Amino acid sequence: MYAREITITNPMGLHARPATLLVQKAGKYESNLQLIKENVIVNPKSIFTVLSAGLGAGTTITIQAEGPDEKHAVDDLCEFIASLKE
């Protein structure tokens, strides 16, 4: 298992467009992925769960993965979230 913590800095948070892109990125990986916000586990491969989690600006989440590409998956999703500007 591999995990990293990241704070969402995008002023708009993970609204519909970046959430859709996140789900598409997460879907590329074989590993079991989870976003964890205050002990709530979200499936990043499901647009419904990502949008319903309320991942706004300033929210700190843990991205966790277990599987053959776990490190690459977590690092890629963290880099994506860090790069969001709108």
PDB file of N, CA and C in Angstrom:
ATOM      1  N   MET A   1       0.848  -1.172   0.000  1.00  0.00           N
ATOM      2  CA  MET A   1       0.000   0.000   0.000  1.00  0.00           C
ATOM      3  C   MET A   1       0.897   1.240   0.000  1.00  0.00           C
ATOM      4  N   TYR A   2       0.438   2.261  -0.718  1.00  0.00           N
ATOM      5  CA  TYR A   2       1.160   3.528  -0.821  1.00  0.00           C
ATOM      6  C   TYR A   2       0.143   4.649  -0.673  1.00  0.00           C
ATOM      7  N   ALA A   3       0.503   5.692   0.073  1.00  0.00           N
ATOM      8  CA  ALA A   3      -0.431   6.802   0.301  1.00  0.00           C
ATOM      9  C   ALA A   3       0.329   8.113   0.417  1.00  0.00           C
ATOM     10  N   ARG A   4      -0.357   9.181   0.035  1.00  0.00           N
ATOM     11  CA  ARG A   4       0.164  10.543   0.187  1.00  0.00           C
ATOM     12  C   ARG A   4      -0.978  11.464   0.571  1.00  0.00           C
ATOM     13  N   GLU A   5      -0.628  12.496   1.309  1.00  0.00           N
ATOM     14  CA  GLU A   5      -1.606  13.509   1.701  1.00  0.00           C
ATOM     15  C   GLU A   5      -1.391  14.745   0.836  1.00  0.00           C
ATOM     16  N   ILE A   6      -2.484  15.384   0.439  1.00  0.00           N
ATOM     17  CA  ILE A   6      -2.404  16.598  -0.372  1.00  0.00           C
ATOM     18  C   ILE A   6      -3.560  17.519  -0.004  1.00  0.00           C
ATOM     19  N   THR A   7      -3.300  18.812  -0.083  1.00  0.00           N
ATOM     20  CA  THR A   7      -4.340  19.809   0.156  1.00  0.00           C
ATOM     21  C   THR A   7      -4.769  20.391  -1.186  1.00  0.00           C
ATOM     22  N   ILE A   8      -6.061  20.469  -1.391  1.00  0.00           N
ATOM     23  CA  ILE A   8      -6.608  21.012  -2.637  1.00  0.00           C
ATOM     24  C   ILE A   8      -6.444  22.530  -2.601  1.00  0.00           C
ATOM     25  N   THR A   9      -5.669  23.058  -3.538  1.00  0.00           N
ATOM     26  CA  THR A   9      -5.388  24.495  -3.571  1.00  0.00           C
ATOM     27  C   THR A   9      -6.194  25.229  -4.631  1.00  0.00           C
ATOM     28  N   ASN A  10      -6.826  24.494  -5.527  1.00  0.00           N
ATOM     29  CA  ASN A  10      -7.651  25.122  -6.554  1.00  0.00           C
ATOM     30  C   ASN A  10      -8.777  25.904  -5.866  1.00  0.00           C
ATOM     31  N   PRO A  11      -8.910  27.205  -6.138  1.00  0.00           N
ATOM     32  CA  PRO A  11      -9.949  28.005  -5.479  1.00  0.00           C
ATOM     33  C   PRO A  11     -11.367  27.464  -5.668  1.00  0.00           C
ATOM     34  N   MET A  12     -11.600  26.740  -6.741  1.00  0.00           N
ATOM     35  CA  MET A  12     -12.923  26.179  -7.018  1.00  0.00           C
ATOM     36  C   MET A  12     -13.072  24.753  -6.483  1.00  0.00           C
ATOM     37  N   GLY A  13     -12.021  24.189  -5.904  1.00  0.00           N
ATOM     38  CA  GLY A  13     -12.069  22.817  -5.423  1.00  0.00           C
ATOM     39  C   GLY A  13     -12.153  21.837  -6.583  1.00  0.00           C
ATOM     40  N   LEU A  14     -12.613  20.641  -6.287  1.00  0.00           N
ATOM     41  CA  LEU A  14     -12.785  19.629  -7.339  1.00  0.00           C
ATOM     42  C   LEU A  14     -14.219  19.692  -7.841  1.00  0.00           C
ATOM     43  N   HIS A  15     -14.517  20.697  -8.636  1.00  0.00           N
ATOM     44  CA  HIS A  15     -15.844  20.832  -9.228  1.00  0.00           C
ATOM     45  C   HIS A  15     -15.952  19.886 -10.430  1.00  0.00           C
ATOM     46  N   ALA A  16     -17.015  19.971 -11.185  1.00  0.00           N
ATOM     47  CA  ALA A  16     -17.345  18.964 -12.209  1.00  0.00           C
ATOM     48  C   ALA A  16     -16.231  18.690 -13.218  1.00  0.00           C
ATOM     49  N   ARG A  17     -15.642  19.724 -13.798  1.00  0.00           N
ATOM     50  CA  ARG A  17     -14.638  19.484 -14.839  1.00  0.00           C
ATOM     51  C   ARG A  17     -13.384  18.801 -14.297  1.00  0.00           C
ATOM     52  N   PRO A  18     -12.732  19.341 -13.244  1.00  0.00           N
ATOM     53  CA  PRO A  18     -11.547  18.644 -12.750  1.00  0.00           C
ATOM     54  C   PRO A  18     -11.876  17.293 -12.120  1.00  0.00           C
ATOM     55  N   ALA A  19     -13.064  17.158 -11.544  1.00  0.00           N
ATOM     56  CA  ALA A  19     -13.454  15.861 -10.985  1.00  0.00           C
ATOM     57  C   ALA A  19     -13.565  14.820 -12.092  1.00  0.00           C
ATOM     58  N   THR A  20     -14.108  15.214 -13.232  1.00  0.00           N
ATOM     59  CA  THR A  20     -14.213  14.300 -14.373  1.00  0.00           C
ATOM     60  C   THR A  20     -12.829  13.880 -14.848  1.00  0.00           C
ATOM     61  N   LEU A  21     -11.912  14.827 -14.933  1.00  0.00           N
ATOM     62  CA  LEU A  21     -10.547  14.505 -15.353  1.00  0.00           C
ATOM     63  C   LEU A  21      -9.854  13.596 -14.338  1.00  0.00           C
ATOM     64  N   LEU A  22     -10.100  13.831 -13.050  1.00  0.00           N
ATOM     65  CA  LEU A  22      -9.531  12.982 -12.007  1.00  0.00           C
ATOM     66  C   LEU A  22     -10.033  11.550 -12.146  1.00  0.00           C
ATOM     67  N   VAL A  23     -11.331  11.393 -12.366  1.00  0.00           N
ATOM     68  CA  VAL A  23     -11.922  10.060 -12.531  1.00  0.00           C
ATOM     69  C   VAL A  23     -11.324   9.361 -13.751  1.00  0.00           C
ATOM     70  N   GLN A  24     -11.130  10.093 -14.836  1.00  0.00           N
ATOM     71  CA  GLN A  24     -10.521   9.507 -16.032  1.00  0.00           C
ATOM     72  C   GLN A  24      -9.096   9.051 -15.747  1.00  0.00           C
ATOM     73  N   LYS A  25      -8.326   9.863 -15.033  1.00  0.00           N
ATOM     74  CA  LYS A  25      -6.957   9.486 -14.678  1.00  0.00           C
ATOM     75  C   LYS A  25      -6.962   8.255 -13.776  1.00  0.00           C
ATOM     76  N   ALA A  26      -7.817   8.254 -12.770  1.00  0.00           N
ATOM     77  CA  ALA A  26      -7.877   7.137 -11.827  1.00  0.00           C
ATOM     78  C   ALA A  26      -8.248   5.837 -12.533  1.00  0.00           C
ATOM     79  N   GLY A  27      -9.097   5.934 -13.545  1.00  0.00           N
ATOM     80  CA  GLY A  27      -9.537   4.750 -14.280  1.00  0.00           C
ATOM     81  C   GLY A  27      -8.443   4.062 -15.070  1.00  0.00           C
ATOM     82  N   LYS A  28      -7.322   4.733 -15.278  1.00  0.00           N
ATOM     83  CA  LYS A  28      -6.202   4.141 -16.021  1.00  0.00           C
ATOM     84  C   LYS A  28      -5.444   3.098 -15.205  1.00  0.00           C
ATOM     85  N   TYR A  29      -5.627   3.113 -13.901  1.00  0.00           N
ATOM     86  CA  TYR A  29      -4.789   2.295 -13.028  1.00  0.00           C
ATOM     87  C   TYR A  29      -5.498   1.030 -12.567  1.00  0.00           C
ATOM     88  N   GLU A  30      -4.700  -0.024 -12.439  1.00  0.00           N
ATOM     89  CA  GLU A  30      -5.217  -1.308 -11.960  1.00  0.00           C
ATOM     90  C   GLU A  30      -5.424  -1.313 -10.452  1.00  0.00           C
ATOM     91  N   SER A  31      -4.634  -0.547  -9.747  1.00  0.00           N
ATOM     92  CA  SER A  31      -4.666  -0.553  -8.289  1.00  0.00           C
ATOM     93  C   SER A  31      -6.025  -0.127  -7.745  1.00  0.00           C
ATOM     94  N   ASN A  32      -6.322  -0.611  -6.552  1.00  0.00           N
ATOM     95  CA  ASN A  32      -7.502  -0.171  -5.821  1.00  0.00           C
ATOM     96  C   ASN A  32      -7.161   1.194  -5.230  1.00  0.00           C
ATOM     97  N   LEU A  33      -7.874   2.227  -5.644  1.00  0.00           N
ATOM     98  CA  LEU A  33      -7.593   3.597  -5.217  1.00  0.00           C
ATOM     99  C   LEU A  33      -8.669   4.104  -4.271  1.00  0.00           C
ATOM    100  N   GLN A  34      -8.244   4.937  -3.317  1.00  0.00           N
ATOM    101  CA  GLN A  34      -9.185   5.564  -2.398  1.00  0.00           C
ATOM    102  C   GLN A  34      -8.744   6.997  -2.129  1.00  0.00           C
ATOM    103  N   LEU A  35      -9.714   7.892  -2.041  1.00  0.00           N
ATOM    104  CA  LEU A  35      -9.492   9.239  -1.526  1.00  0.00           C
ATOM    105  C   LEU A  35     -10.104   9.238  -0.135  1.00  0.00           C
ATOM    106  N   ILE A  36      -9.366   9.713   0.844  1.00  0.00           N
ATOM    107  CA  ILE A  36      -9.866   9.706   2.215  1.00  0.00           C
ATOM    108  C   ILE A  36      -9.914  11.146   2.720  1.00  0.00           C
ATOM    109  N   LYS A  37     -11.107  11.561   3.122  1.00  0.00           N
ATOM    110  CA  LYS A  37     -11.336  12.907   3.662  1.00  0.00           C
ATOM    111  C   LYS A  37     -12.019  12.753   5.015  1.00  0.00           C
ATOM    112  N   GLU A  38     -11.304  13.095   6.074  1.00  0.00           N
ATOM    113  CA  GLU A  38     -11.886  13.033   7.420  1.00  0.00           C
ATOM    114  C   GLU A  38     -12.571  11.692   7.684  1.00  0.00           C
ATOM    115  N   ASN A  39     -11.872  10.613   7.441  1.00  0.00           N
ATOM    116  CA  ASN A  39     -12.350   9.245   7.660  1.00  0.00           C
ATOM    117  C   ASN A  39     -13.479   8.814   6.728  1.00  0.00           C
ATOM    118  N   VAL A  40     -13.786   9.609   5.711  1.00  0.00           N
ATOM    119  CA  VAL A  40     -14.755   9.222   4.687  1.00  0.00           C
ATOM    120  C   VAL A  40     -13.965   8.745   3.475  1.00  0.00           C
ATOM    121  N   ILE A  41     -14.256   7.536   3.022  1.00  0.00           N
ATOM    122  CA  ILE A  41     -13.537   6.939   1.897  1.00  0.00           C
ATOM    123  C   ILE A  41     -14.339   7.145   0.624  1.00  0.00           C
ATOM    124  N   VAL A  42     -13.662   7.679  -0.394  1.00  0.00           N
ATOM    125  CA  VAL A  42     -14.283   7.999  -1.674  1.00  0.00           C
ATOM    126  C   VAL A  42     -13.586   7.199  -2.765  1.00  0.00           C
ATOM    127  N   ASN A  43     -14.358   6.648  -3.680  1.00  0.00           N
ATOM    128  CA  ASN A  43     -13.804   5.928  -4.825  1.00  0.00           C
ATOM    129  C   ASN A  43     -13.495   6.936  -5.929  1.00  0.00           C
ATOM    130  N   PRO A  44     -12.209   7.183  -6.237  1.00  0.00           N
ATOM    131  CA  PRO A  44     -11.879   8.177  -7.257  1.00  0.00           C
ATOM    132  C   PRO A  44     -12.152   7.719  -8.686  1.00  0.00           C
ATOM    133  N   LYS A  45     -12.645   6.505  -8.840  1.00  0.00           N
ATOM    134  CA  LYS A  45     -13.014   6.016 -10.172  1.00  0.00           C
ATOM    135  C   LYS A  45     -14.502   6.232 -10.445  1.00  0.00           C
ATOM    136  N   SER A  46     -15.199   6.877  -9.494  1.00  0.00           N
ATOM    137  CA  SER A  46     -16.639   7.133  -9.614  1.00  0.00           C
ATOM    138  C   SER A  46     -16.909   8.630  -9.523  1.00  0.00           C
ATOM    139  N   ILE A  47     -17.417   9.209 -10.586  1.00  0.00           N
ATOM    140  CA  ILE A  47     -17.699  10.648 -10.601  1.00  0.00           C
ATOM    141  C   ILE A  47     -18.720  11.017  -9.530  1.00  0.00           C
ATOM    142  N   PHE A  48     -19.695  10.158  -9.296  1.00  0.00           N
ATOM    143  CA  PHE A  48     -20.718  10.441  -8.296  1.00  0.00           C
ATOM    144  C   PHE A  48     -20.100  10.597  -6.909  1.00  0.00           C
ATOM    145  N   THR A  49     -19.230   9.664  -6.513  1.00  0.00           N
ATOM    146  CA  THR A  49     -18.656   9.739  -5.168  1.00  0.00           C
ATOM    147  C   THR A  49     -17.689  10.910  -5.034  1.00  0.00           C
ATOM    148  N   VAL A  50     -16.947  11.219  -6.086  1.00  0.00           N
ATOM    149  CA  VAL A  50     -16.010  12.347  -6.027  1.00  0.00           C
ATOM    150  C   VAL A  50     -16.776  13.657  -5.862  1.00  0.00           C
ATOM    151  N   LEU A  51     -17.807  13.856  -6.668  1.00  0.00           N
ATOM    152  CA  LEU A  51     -18.581  15.097  -6.576  1.00  0.00           C
ATOM    153  C   LEU A  51     -19.348  15.208  -5.260  1.00  0.00           C
ATOM    154  N   SER A  52     -19.848  14.100  -4.752  1.00  0.00           N
ATOM    155  CA  SER A  52     -20.640  14.143  -3.521  1.00  0.00           C
ATOM    156  C   SER A  52     -19.777  14.306  -2.270  1.00  0.00           C
ATOM    157  N   ALA A  53     -18.461  14.157  -2.393  1.00  0.00           N
ATOM    158  CA  ALA A  53     -17.579  14.261  -1.229  1.00  0.00           C
ATOM    159  C   ALA A  53     -17.331  15.699  -0.792  1.00  0.00           C
ATOM    160  N   GLY A  54     -17.659  16.664  -1.643  1.00  0.00           N
ATOM    161  CA  GLY A  54     -17.458  18.063  -1.275  1.00  0.00           C
ATOM    162  C   GLY A  54     -15.993  18.420  -1.083  1.00  0.00           C
ATOM    163  N   LEU A  55     -15.187  18.127  -2.082  1.00  0.00           N
ATOM    164  CA  LEU A  55     -13.747  18.366  -1.993  1.00  0.00           C
ATOM    165  C   LEU A  55     -13.426  19.793  -2.428  1.00  0.00           C
ATOM    166  N   GLY A  56     -13.612  20.718  -1.505  1.00  0.00           N
ATOM    167  CA  GLY A  56     -13.423  22.133  -1.795  1.00  0.00           C
ATOM    168  C   GLY A  56     -12.008  22.609  -1.546  1.00  0.00           C
ATOM    169  N   ALA A  57     -11.769  23.864  -1.876  1.00  0.00           N
ATOM    170  CA  ALA A  57     -10.460  24.483  -1.658  1.00  0.00           C
ATOM    171  C   ALA A  57     -10.084  24.401  -0.183  1.00  0.00           C
ATOM    172  N   GLY A  58      -8.837  24.056   0.081  1.00  0.00           N
ATOM    173  CA  GLY A  58      -8.347  23.945   1.445  1.00  0.00           C
ATOM    174  C   GLY A  58      -8.567  22.592   2.084  1.00  0.00           C
ATOM    175  N   THR A  59      -9.275  21.709   1.408  1.00  0.00           N
ATOM    176  CA  THR A  59      -9.527  20.369   1.933  1.00  0.00           C
ATOM    177  C   THR A  59      -8.266  19.519   1.805  1.00  0.00           C
ATOM    178  N   THR A  60      -7.890  18.867   2.889  1.00  0.00           N
ATOM    179  CA  THR A  60      -6.754  17.949   2.851  1.00  0.00           C
ATOM    180  C   THR A  60      -7.296  16.536   2.730  1.00  0.00           C
ATOM    181  N   ILE A  61      -6.763  15.807   1.755  1.00  0.00           N
ATOM    182  CA  ILE A  61      -7.186  14.426   1.524  1.00  0.00           C
ATOM    183  C   ILE A  61      -5.955  13.526   1.493  1.00  0.00           C
ATOM    184  N   THR A  62      -6.191  12.259   1.727  1.00  0.00           N
ATOM    185  CA  THR A  62      -5.166  11.240   1.549  1.00  0.00           C
ATOM    186  C   THR A  62      -5.551  10.435   0.324  1.00  0.00           C
ATOM    187  N   ILE A  63      -4.603  10.263  -0.572  1.00  0.00           N
ATOM    188  CA  ILE A  63      -4.812   9.400  -1.732  1.00  0.00           C
ATOM    189  C   ILE A  63      -4.038   8.126  -1.444  1.00  0.00           C
ATOM    190  N   GLN A  64      -4.742   7.017  -1.491  1.00  0.00           N
ATOM    191  CA  GLN A  64      -4.179   5.730  -1.111  1.00  0.00           C
ATOM    192  C   GLN A  64      -4.432   4.718  -2.212  1.00  0.00           C
ATOM    193  N   ALA A  65      -3.451   3.847  -2.448  1.00  0.00           N
ATOM    194  CA  ALA A  65      -3.617   2.815  -3.472  1.00  0.00           C
ATOM    195  C   ALA A  65      -2.954   1.529  -3.016  1.00  0.00           C
ATOM    196  N   GLU A  66      -3.510   0.436  -3.512  1.00  0.00           N
ATOM    197  CA  GLU A  66      -2.913  -0.869  -3.288  1.00  0.00           C
ATOM    198  C   GLU A  66      -3.031  -1.650  -4.584  1.00  0.00           C
ATOM    199  N   GLY A  67      -1.887  -2.089  -5.094  1.00  0.00           N
ATOM    200  CA  GLY A  67      -1.887  -2.842  -6.336  1.00  0.00           C
ATOM    201  C   GLY A  67      -0.584  -2.680  -7.086  1.00  0.00           C
ATOM    202  N   PRO A  68      -0.539  -3.214  -8.296  1.00  0.00           N
ATOM    203  CA  PRO A  68       0.718  -3.266  -9.047  1.00  0.00           C
ATOM    204  C   PRO A  68       1.270  -1.908  -9.467  1.00  0.00           C
ATOM    205  N   ASP A  69       0.424  -0.907  -9.606  1.00  0.00           N
ATOM    206  CA  ASP A  69       0.892   0.416 -10.040  1.00  0.00           C
ATOM    207  C   ASP A  69       0.562   1.487  -8.993  1.00  0.00           C
ATOM    208  N   GLU A  70       0.549   1.077  -7.725  1.00  0.00           N
ATOM    209  CA  GLU A  70       0.087   1.950  -6.646  1.00  0.00           C
ATOM    210  C   GLU A  70       0.871   3.258  -6.533  1.00  0.00           C
ATOM    211  N   LYS A  71       2.186   3.189  -6.573  1.00  0.00           N
ATOM    212  CA  LYS A  71       2.985   4.412  -6.410  1.00  0.00           C
ATOM    213  C   LYS A  71       2.752   5.372  -7.576  1.00  0.00           C
ATOM    214  N   HIS A  72       2.780   4.856  -8.772  1.00  0.00           N
ATOM    215  CA  HIS A  72       2.569   5.707  -9.943  1.00  0.00           C
ATOM    216  C   HIS A  72       1.174   6.328  -9.910  1.00  0.00           C
ATOM    217  N   ALA A  73       0.179   5.550  -9.528  1.00  0.00           N
ATOM    218  CA  ALA A  73      -1.200   6.052  -9.471  1.00  0.00           C
ATOM    219  C   ALA A  73      -1.335   7.191  -8.465  1.00  0.00           C
ATOM    220  N   VAL A  74      -0.839   6.993  -7.266  1.00  0.00           N
ATOM    221  CA  VAL A  74      -0.956   8.015  -6.218  1.00  0.00           C
ATOM    222  C   VAL A  74      -0.185   9.273  -6.609  1.00  0.00           C
ATOM    223  N   ASP A  75       1.038   9.092  -7.081  1.00  0.00           N
ATOM    224  CA  ASP A  75       1.846  10.251  -7.473  1.00  0.00           C
ATOM    225  C   ASP A  75       1.194  11.023  -8.620  1.00  0.00           C
ATOM    226  N   ASP A  76       0.635  10.312  -9.593  1.00  0.00           N
ATOM    227  CA  ASP A  76      -0.013  10.959 -10.736  1.00  0.00           C
ATOM    228  C   ASP A  76      -1.235  11.765 -10.290  1.00  0.00           C
ATOM    229  N   LEU A  77      -2.061  11.182  -9.434  1.00  0.00           N
ATOM    230  CA  LEU A  77      -3.254  11.891  -8.967  1.00  0.00           C
ATOM    231  C   LEU A  77      -2.884  13.097  -8.102  1.00  0.00           C
ATOM    232  N   CYS A  78      -1.845  12.958  -7.280  1.00  0.00           N
ATOM    233  CA  CYS A  78      -1.397  14.096  -6.469  1.00  0.00           C
ATOM    234  C   CYS A  78      -0.872  15.219  -7.352  1.00  0.00           C
ATOM    235  N   GLU A  79      -0.093  14.880  -8.357  1.00  0.00           N
ATOM    236  CA  GLU A  79       0.424  15.892  -9.281  1.00  0.00           C
ATOM    237  C   GLU A  79      -0.721  16.587 -10.014  1.00  0.00           C
ATOM    238  N   PHE A  80      -1.716  15.812 -10.415  1.00  0.00           N
ATOM    239  CA  PHE A  80      -2.868  16.394 -11.102  1.00  0.00           C
ATOM    240  C   PHE A  80      -3.591  17.394 -10.198  1.00  0.00           C
ATOM    241  N   ILE A  81      -3.877  16.995  -8.971  1.00  0.00           N
ATOM    242  CA  ILE A  81      -4.591  17.872  -8.041  1.00  0.00           C
ATOM    243  C   ILE A  81      -3.770  19.128  -7.753  1.00  0.00           C
ATOM    244  N   ALA A  82      -2.471  18.969  -7.590  1.00  0.00           N
ATOM    245  CA  ALA A  82      -1.602  20.120  -7.321  1.00  0.00           C
ATOM    246  C   ALA A  82      -1.556  21.092  -8.498  1.00  0.00           C
ATOM    247  N   SER A  83      -1.767  20.586  -9.705  1.00  0.00           N
ATOM    248  CA  SER A  83      -1.668  21.431 -10.901  1.00  0.00           C
ATOM    249  C   SER A  83      -2.948  22.211 -11.206  1.00  0.00           C
ATOM    250  N   LEU A  84      -4.036  21.909 -10.520  1.00  0.00           N
ATOM    251  CA  LEU A  84      -5.316  22.558 -10.815  1.00  0.00           C
ATOM    252  C   LEU A  84      -5.274  24.040 -10.463  1.00  0.00           C
ATOM    253  N   LYS A  85      -5.711  24.847 -11.409  1.00  0.00           N
ATOM    254  CA  LYS A  85      -5.692  26.299 -11.208  1.00  0.00           C
ATOM    255  C   LYS A  85      -7.066  26.934 -11.343  1.00  0.00           C
ATOM    256  N   GLU A  86      -8.068  26.192 -11.839  1.00  0.00           N
ATOM    257  CA  GLU A  86      -9.393  26.783 -12.039  1.00  0.00           C
ATOM    258  C   GLU A  86     -10.486  25.836 -11.643  1.00  0.00           C
TER     259      GLU A  86
END
